[in-house]
Amino acid sequence: MSKIAIIGATGRAGSQLLEEALRRGHSVVAIARNVDSIAVQHGVTVKQADALNADELQQAIHGSDVVISAAHFKTVPAQAVIDPVKKAGVKRLLVVGGAGSLLLPSGERVIDSAGFPEEYREEASAGSQFLDRLRQEKDVDWSFISPSAEFVEGARTQAFRLGQDHLLISSEGRSWISFADYAIALIDEVESPKHSRQRFTVGY
């Protein structure tokens, strides 16, 4: 079993990742600026840290086997995560990605398509920049896991598909994944790495 550090463990994705990791017997270091909402439970070490404070973050993740970043891209850029990971000597970094940089059947990025919601553009652009920076990284074994267009609350069905760089769209024309099923796909990658230094995506 692995010791997994989760940056942004109180968010919707981060909290589901914490639950999925514990379900499988891993130990978790839950990292957040405000840790009041993190329940005290067996297998969880709670650490309060600001992801923009490199020293705090390095200390929080030190000794972990894997770091998962579930922080918002527009507030926590790639270098703020990559540098502490490297200095802490952690070899694997998994990132809760975004759908904006995925490709449509036309080859156009989702973020560049007509009708892309303006309220999501800043976060999606920052996510694309994060991925671009990872693709230049030589020293960390990273994976960037993009959800589908709709990343929503929902059941843990364990029935989903994986893709690479193209947006997954169901036979009904919908692109979506629940936080719970996304967490399964990401923790699967922790346990059995198949996408080293790659982006992949998950959807129904």
Protein backbone atom coordinates (compact mmCIF):
# COMPACT_ATOMS: atom_id res chain seq x y z
CA MET A 1 0.00 0.00 0.00
CA SER A 2 1.13 3.53 -0.71
CA LYS A 3 1.38 6.72 1.29
CA ILE A 4 -0.53 9.24 -0.80
CA ALA A 5 -0.40 13.00 -0.22
CA ILE A 6 -3.44 14.87 -1.53
CA ILE A 7 -3.13 18.62 -2.06
CA GLY A 8 -6.60 20.15 -1.89
CA ALA A 9 -8.07 17.26 0.08
CA THR A 10 -11.16 19.25 1.12
CA GLY A 11 -12.42 19.94 -2.40
CA ARG A 12 -15.03 17.89 -4.23
CA ALA A 13 -12.45 15.87 -6.18
CA GLY A 14 -9.91 15.77 -3.36
CA SER A 15 -12.38 14.47 -0.78
CA GLN A 16 -13.51 11.67 -3.11
CA LEU A 17 -9.90 10.73 -3.80
CA LEU A 18 -9.26 10.56 -0.07
CA GLU A 19 -12.23 8.24 0.41
CA GLU A 20 -11.22 5.99 -2.50
CA ALA A 21 -7.61 5.73 -1.31
CA LEU A 22 -8.74 4.76 2.19
CA ARG A 23 -11.24 2.25 0.79
CA ARG A 24 -8.30 0.43 -0.79
CA GLY A 25 -6.11 0.47 2.29
CA HIS A 26 -3.70 3.27 1.42
CA SER A 27 -2.60 5.84 3.97
CA VAL A 28 -3.35 9.46 3.13
CA VAL A 29 -1.75 12.76 4.02
CA ALA A 30 -4.64 15.22 3.62
CA ILE A 31 -3.31 18.71 2.86
CA ALA A 32 -5.36 21.91 2.82
CA ARG A 33 -5.22 25.52 3.96
CA ASN A 34 -8.30 24.98 6.10
CA VAL A 35 -8.40 21.47 7.54
CA ASP A 36 -11.43 21.87 9.82
CA SER A 37 -13.68 19.84 7.52
CA ILE A 38 -11.35 16.83 7.35
CA ALA A 39 -12.65 14.09 9.63
CA VAL A 40 -10.21 12.43 12.01
CA GLN A 41 -10.07 8.79 10.94
CA HIS A 42 -7.71 5.85 10.77
CA GLY A 43 -5.25 6.08 7.89
CA VAL A 44 -5.40 9.86 7.53
CA THR A 45 -2.75 12.34 8.61
CA VAL A 46 -4.03 15.90 8.38
CA LYS A 47 -1.54 18.64 7.52
CA GLN A 48 -2.38 22.32 7.21
CA ALA A 49 -0.32 23.95 4.50
CA ASP A 50 -0.62 26.71 1.92
CA ALA A 51 0.12 25.24 -1.51
CA LEU A 52 1.74 28.55 -2.49
CA ASN A 53 4.22 28.28 0.39
CA ALA A 54 6.92 26.02 -1.06
CA ASP A 55 8.53 25.18 2.28
CA GLU A 56 5.21 24.29 3.93
CA LEU A 57 4.17 22.13 1.01
CA GLN A 58 7.54 20.38 0.80
CA GLN A 59 7.38 19.50 4.49
CA ALA A 60 3.78 18.30 4.19
CA ILE A 61 4.47 15.89 1.31
CA HIS A 62 7.89 14.69 2.49
CA GLY A 63 7.99 10.91 2.85
CA SER A 64 5.04 10.27 0.55
CA ASP A 65 5.15 7.74 -2.27
CA VAL A 66 2.80 9.71 -4.50
CA VAL A 67 1.48 13.27 -4.56
CA ILE A 68 -1.95 14.05 -6.00
CA SER A 69 -2.69 17.70 -6.74
CA ALA A 70 -6.40 18.49 -6.65
CA ALA A 71 -5.88 22.24 -6.30
CA HIS A 72 -7.41 24.87 -8.59
CA PHE A 73 -5.10 25.77 -11.46
CA LYS A 74 -5.75 29.50 -11.42
CA THR A 75 -4.59 29.74 -7.80
CA VAL A 76 -1.90 27.03 -7.73
CA PRO A 77 0.25 26.99 -10.89
CA ALA A 78 2.38 24.06 -11.99
CA GLN A 79 5.69 25.28 -10.62
CA ALA A 80 4.19 25.75 -7.14
CA VAL A 81 3.54 22.00 -7.09
CA ILE A 82 6.42 20.61 -9.13
CA ASP A 83 9.24 22.31 -7.21
CA PRO A 84 8.19 21.09 -3.72
CA VAL A 85 7.57 17.59 -5.11
CA LYS A 86 11.07 17.46 -6.52
CA LYS A 87 12.69 18.92 -3.41
CA ALA A 88 10.81 16.46 -1.20
CA GLY A 89 12.16 13.60 -3.30
CA VAL A 90 8.72 12.30 -4.32
CA LYS A 91 8.95 10.58 -7.69
CA ARG A 92 5.29 10.44 -8.75
CA LEU A 93 2.84 13.29 -9.26
CA LEU A 94 -0.76 12.81 -10.37
CA VAL A 95 -2.82 15.87 -11.24
CA VAL A 96 -6.60 16.29 -11.25
CA GLY A 97 -6.80 17.86 -14.69
CA GLY A 98 -9.41 19.76 -16.64
CA ALA A 99 -11.42 19.03 -19.77
CA GLY A 100 -10.63 22.31 -21.53
CA SER A 101 -7.41 21.06 -23.11
CA LEU A 102 -9.02 17.88 -24.47
CA LEU A 103 -9.63 17.62 -28.19
CA LEU A 104 -12.95 17.47 -30.03
CA PRO A 105 -13.42 15.14 -33.03
CA SER A 106 -12.45 18.10 -35.24
CA GLY A 107 -9.09 18.36 -33.49
CA GLU A 108 -10.06 21.67 -31.88
CA ARG A 109 -9.51 22.03 -28.15
CA VAL A 110 -12.65 22.16 -26.04
CA ILE A 111 -11.61 25.56 -24.63
CA ASP A 112 -11.34 26.98 -28.17
CA SER A 113 -14.77 25.76 -29.30
CA ALA A 114 -17.74 28.02 -29.88
CA GLY A 115 -19.90 28.41 -26.83
CA PHE A 116 -17.27 27.46 -24.26
CA PRO A 117 -18.55 29.03 -20.99
CA GLU A 118 -16.65 32.21 -20.17
CA GLU A 119 -16.92 31.58 -16.44
CA TYR A 120 -14.69 28.50 -16.84
CA ARG A 121 -12.17 29.99 -19.26
CA GLU A 122 -9.64 31.28 -16.72
CA GLU A 123 -9.44 27.96 -14.88
CA ALA A 124 -9.37 25.97 -18.14
CA SER A 125 -6.58 28.14 -19.56
CA ALA A 126 -4.56 27.72 -16.39
CA GLY A 127 -5.10 23.96 -16.59
CA SER A 128 -3.80 23.90 -20.16
CA GLN A 129 -0.71 25.80 -19.03
CA PHE A 130 -0.21 23.33 -16.16
CA LEU A 131 -0.30 20.42 -18.64
CA ASP A 132 2.13 22.19 -20.98
CA ARG A 133 4.56 22.63 -18.09
CA LEU A 134 4.27 18.98 -17.09
CA ARG A 135 5.10 17.92 -20.64
CA GLN A 136 8.44 19.70 -20.27
CA GLU A 137 9.22 17.96 -16.96
CA LYS A 138 12.03 15.38 -17.08
CA ASP A 139 12.57 14.50 -13.43
CA VAL A 140 9.07 13.70 -12.12
CA ASP A 141 6.95 10.75 -13.23
CA TRP A 142 3.65 12.58 -13.78
CA SER A 143 0.15 11.84 -15.04
CA PHE A 144 -2.56 14.43 -15.78
CA ILE A 145 -6.07 12.98 -15.56
CA SER A 146 -8.72 15.03 -17.34
CA PRO A 147 -12.36 14.50 -16.40
CA SER A 148 -15.11 14.75 -18.98
CA ALA A 149 -16.84 18.05 -19.76
CA GLU A 150 -19.27 17.64 -16.86
CA PHE A 151 -17.52 16.77 -13.58
CA VAL A 152 -20.39 16.17 -11.18
CA GLU A 153 -21.69 14.56 -8.02
CA GLY A 154 -23.00 11.10 -8.73
CA ALA A 155 -22.90 7.39 -8.04
CA ARG A 156 -19.80 5.22 -7.75
CA THR A 157 -20.72 2.94 -10.66
CA GLN A 158 -17.25 1.55 -11.49
CA ALA A 159 -18.44 1.56 -15.13
CA PHE A 160 -16.53 4.10 -17.20
CA ARG A 161 -14.17 4.43 -20.14
CA LEU A 162 -10.64 5.73 -20.42
CA GLY A 163 -9.33 7.82 -23.30
CA GLN A 164 -6.20 9.77 -24.16
CA ASP A 165 -6.43 13.30 -25.53
CA HIS A 166 -9.94 13.38 -27.01
CA LEU A 167 -13.09 14.26 -25.10
CA LEU A 168 -15.18 11.18 -24.33
CA ILE A 169 -18.82 11.51 -25.38
CA SER A 170 -21.50 8.96 -24.53
CA SER A 171 -23.88 7.42 -27.06
CA GLU A 172 -26.47 9.92 -25.78
CA GLY A 173 -24.17 12.80 -26.72
CA ARG A 174 -23.21 13.70 -23.16
CA SER A 175 -19.67 14.05 -21.80
CA TRP A 176 -19.63 13.47 -18.06
CA ILE A 177 -18.11 11.63 -15.09
CA SER A 178 -18.89 11.54 -11.39
CA PHE A 179 -16.30 12.54 -8.82
CA ALA A 180 -16.58 9.04 -7.32
CA ASP A 181 -15.84 7.19 -10.58
CA TYR A 182 -13.11 9.67 -11.49
CA ALA A 183 -11.49 8.86 -8.14
CA ILE A 184 -11.50 5.16 -9.01
CA ALA A 185 -9.68 5.83 -12.29
CA LEU A 186 -7.07 8.01 -10.60
CA ILE A 187 -6.35 5.63 -7.73
CA ASP A 188 -6.16 2.81 -10.29
CA GLU A 189 -3.32 4.80 -11.87
CA VAL A 190 -1.63 5.09 -8.48
CA GLU A 191 -1.76 1.33 -8.01
CA SER A 192 -1.04 0.23 -11.59
CA PRO A 193 0.66 3.01 -13.56
CA LYS A 194 -0.22 2.88 -17.25
CA HIS A 195 0.07 6.55 -18.23
CA SER A 196 3.56 7.63 -17.22
CA ARG A 197 4.26 11.19 -18.41
CA GLN A 198 0.92 11.26 -20.21
CA ARG A 199 -2.48 12.87 -20.01
CA PHE A 200 -5.50 10.61 -20.11
CA THR A 201 -9.21 11.11 -19.59
CA VAL A 202 -12.15 9.30 -18.02
CA GLY A 203 -15.84 9.40 -18.86
CA TYR A 204 -18.98 7.35 -19.46
